[in-house]
Amino acid sequence: MSKQSTPPETSEVVLLSGGNPQIPKGYGDGPVQAYIAAMPGWKQELGRRLDAIIEQTVPGLRKAVKWNSPFYGVEEGTYFLSFHCFTRYLKVTFLRGDQLDPVPAGASKHPGVRYLDIYEGAFDEAQFTAWVAQASRLPGVKP
């Protein structure tokens, strides 16, 4: 059974550098929805869309907020994807992105990790959905 926690009130949320919401660590949908509700500007609608796509694509989804970012996984305690707000874009992290086809463009200093930077008005929903489906079938990573 997945751990659950209560989301903080969005009026209490502090935006960190780049507009990333500061959300306490928590497990389940509540903390993730609190994070999304606190995302600034156009990123909030994008966050809602990403969350909906991931939910629709991955049966048995597990969610958590860690390090002020939502994480998504299939097995308890391991994850395949997270995202984080920056000033001009939203950064999606595929924790085993080097195994996706095609490989997302954003390289990382961490072996296996690949990034997708999404700017306002530049979201390829079909490609993102395909990557989510692929990533969810790979072994999860314990952050």
Protein backbone atom coordinates (compact mmCIF):
# COMPACT_ATOMS: atom_id res chain seq x y z
CA MET A 1 0.00 0.00 0.00
CA SER A 2 1.30 3.47 -0.88
CA LYS A 3 2.13 6.00 1.81
CA GLN A 4 -0.24 8.98 1.86
CA SER A 5 0.14 12.48 3.21
CA THR A 6 -1.95 15.59 3.34
CA PRO A 7 -1.11 18.36 0.85
CA PRO A 8 -0.15 21.75 2.25
CA GLU A 9 -2.40 24.73 1.63
CA THR A 10 -1.20 26.41 -1.58
CA SER A 11 -1.29 29.80 0.17
CA GLU A 12 1.54 28.51 2.39
CA VAL A 13 3.77 27.52 -0.53
CA VAL A 14 6.98 29.43 -1.16
CA LEU A 15 8.35 29.68 -4.69
CA LEU A 16 12.07 28.97 -4.81
CA SER A 17 14.59 30.17 -7.36
CA GLY A 18 13.17 29.92 -10.88
CA GLY A 19 9.60 29.68 -9.54
CA ASN A 20 9.81 26.08 -8.32
CA PRO A 21 7.27 25.41 -5.53
CA GLN A 22 8.70 24.41 -2.15
CA ILE A 23 6.53 21.45 -1.16
CA PRO A 24 7.28 19.19 1.82
CA LYS A 25 8.25 15.61 1.09
CA GLY A 26 5.16 13.43 0.84
CA TYR A 27 3.73 10.32 -0.78
CA GLY A 28 0.60 9.91 -2.86
CA ASP A 29 -1.42 12.15 -5.13
CA GLY A 30 -2.04 14.91 -2.54
CA PRO A 31 1.49 16.35 -2.38
CA VAL A 32 1.83 16.13 -6.18
CA GLN A 33 -1.45 18.03 -6.67
CA ALA A 34 -0.28 20.66 -4.15
CA TYR A 35 2.94 21.07 -6.15
CA ILE A 36 1.03 21.44 -9.41
CA ALA A 37 -1.44 23.94 -7.86
CA ALA A 38 1.50 26.09 -6.77
CA MET A 39 3.30 26.07 -10.14
CA PRO A 40 3.47 29.61 -11.54
CA GLY A 41 1.83 30.83 -14.75
CA TRP A 42 1.59 28.64 -17.84
CA LYS A 43 3.59 25.90 -16.11
CA GLN A 44 0.60 25.04 -13.89
CA GLU A 45 -1.56 23.99 -16.86
CA LEU A 46 1.39 22.08 -18.33
CA GLY A 47 1.91 20.33 -14.98
CA ARG A 48 -1.75 19.30 -14.93
CA ARG A 49 -1.45 17.94 -18.45
CA LEU A 50 1.76 16.01 -17.69
CA ASP A 51 0.17 14.50 -14.57
CA ALA A 52 -2.97 13.50 -16.52
CA ILE A 53 -0.94 11.90 -19.33
CA ILE A 54 1.18 9.94 -16.86
CA GLU A 55 -1.94 8.75 -14.98
CA GLN A 56 -3.68 7.70 -18.22
CA THR A 57 -0.59 5.92 -19.55
CA VAL A 58 0.64 4.06 -16.46
CA PRO A 59 -1.57 1.63 -14.53
CA GLY A 60 -0.76 1.27 -10.82
CA LEU A 61 1.05 4.62 -10.72
CA ARG A 62 2.84 5.73 -7.51
CA LYS A 63 3.47 9.40 -6.80
CA ALA A 64 5.62 11.34 -4.36
CA VAL A 65 7.17 14.75 -3.84
CA LYS A 66 10.87 14.70 -2.99
CA TRP A 67 13.41 17.51 -3.24
CA ASN A 68 10.63 19.94 -4.25
CA SER A 69 9.75 17.89 -7.35
CA PRO A 70 6.98 15.40 -8.13
CA PHE A 71 8.18 11.86 -8.84
CA TYR A 72 6.29 9.09 -10.65
CA GLY A 73 6.89 5.34 -10.38
CA VAL A 74 5.32 1.93 -10.61
CA GLU A 75 6.95 0.13 -7.69
CA GLU A 76 7.05 1.45 -4.13
CA GLY A 77 10.16 3.61 -3.56
CA THR A 78 11.42 3.67 -7.16
CA TYR A 79 10.62 6.15 -9.90
CA PHE A 80 10.98 6.61 -13.65
CA LEU A 81 10.23 10.34 -14.06
CA SER A 82 10.15 13.67 -12.25
CA PHE A 83 9.80 17.33 -13.22
CA HIS A 84 10.93 20.69 -11.87
CA CYS A 85 10.09 24.35 -12.62
CA PHE A 86 12.71 26.75 -13.92
CA THR A 87 12.23 30.40 -14.86
CA ARG A 88 11.57 29.89 -18.59
CA TYR A 89 10.83 26.17 -18.86
CA LEU A 90 9.78 22.97 -17.14
CA LYS A 91 12.46 20.27 -16.93
CA VAL A 92 11.28 16.66 -17.15
CA THR A 93 13.78 14.09 -15.90
CA PHE A 94 13.66 10.57 -17.29
CA LEU A 95 15.70 8.58 -14.77
CA ARG A 96 16.60 5.89 -17.35
CA GLY A 97 16.22 8.18 -20.35
CA ASP A 98 19.23 6.76 -22.17
CA GLN A 99 17.11 3.63 -22.76
CA LEU A 100 14.23 5.47 -24.46
CA ASP A 101 13.70 5.55 -28.21
CA PRO A 102 14.39 8.14 -29.41
CA VAL A 103 16.64 9.26 -26.56
CA PRO A 104 15.55 12.66 -25.15
CA ALA A 105 17.98 15.40 -26.19
CA GLY A 106 19.02 16.72 -22.76
CA ALA A 107 22.19 15.06 -21.47
CA SER A 108 23.05 14.76 -17.78
CA LYS A 109 26.19 14.23 -15.73
CA HIS A 110 24.33 11.28 -14.17
CA PRO A 111 24.63 8.08 -16.22
CA GLY A 112 21.32 7.08 -17.74
CA VAL A 113 19.46 10.31 -16.96
CA ARG A 114 18.08 12.35 -19.85
CA TYR A 115 16.16 15.62 -19.75
CA LEU A 116 13.30 17.14 -21.70
CA ASP A 117 13.02 20.93 -21.38
CA ILE A 118 9.52 22.14 -22.23
CA TYR A 119 9.10 25.83 -23.08
CA GLU A 120 5.79 27.66 -23.26
CA GLY A 121 3.83 26.55 -26.34
CA ALA A 122 6.36 23.85 -27.30
CA PHE A 123 4.98 20.61 -25.85
CA ASP A 124 5.05 17.51 -28.07
CA GLU A 125 2.34 15.54 -26.27
CA ALA A 126 2.58 12.47 -28.50
CA GLN A 127 6.34 12.10 -27.99
CA PHE A 128 6.02 12.69 -24.24
CA THR A 129 3.29 10.03 -23.99
CA ALA A 130 5.46 7.52 -25.89
CA TRP A 131 8.41 8.21 -23.58
CA VAL A 132 6.23 7.82 -20.47
CA ALA A 133 4.97 4.45 -21.72
CA GLN A 134 8.51 3.26 -22.41
CA ALA A 135 9.99 4.66 -19.16
CA SER A 136 7.28 3.07 -17.01
CA ARG A 137 8.25 -0.40 -18.29
CA LEU A 138 11.92 0.03 -17.28
CA PRO A 139 13.16 -0.79 -13.78
CA GLY A 140 12.59 2.16 -11.45
CA VAL A 141 15.38 4.16 -9.83
CA LYS A 142 15.62 4.86 -6.11
CA PRO A 143 16.43 8.59 -5.85
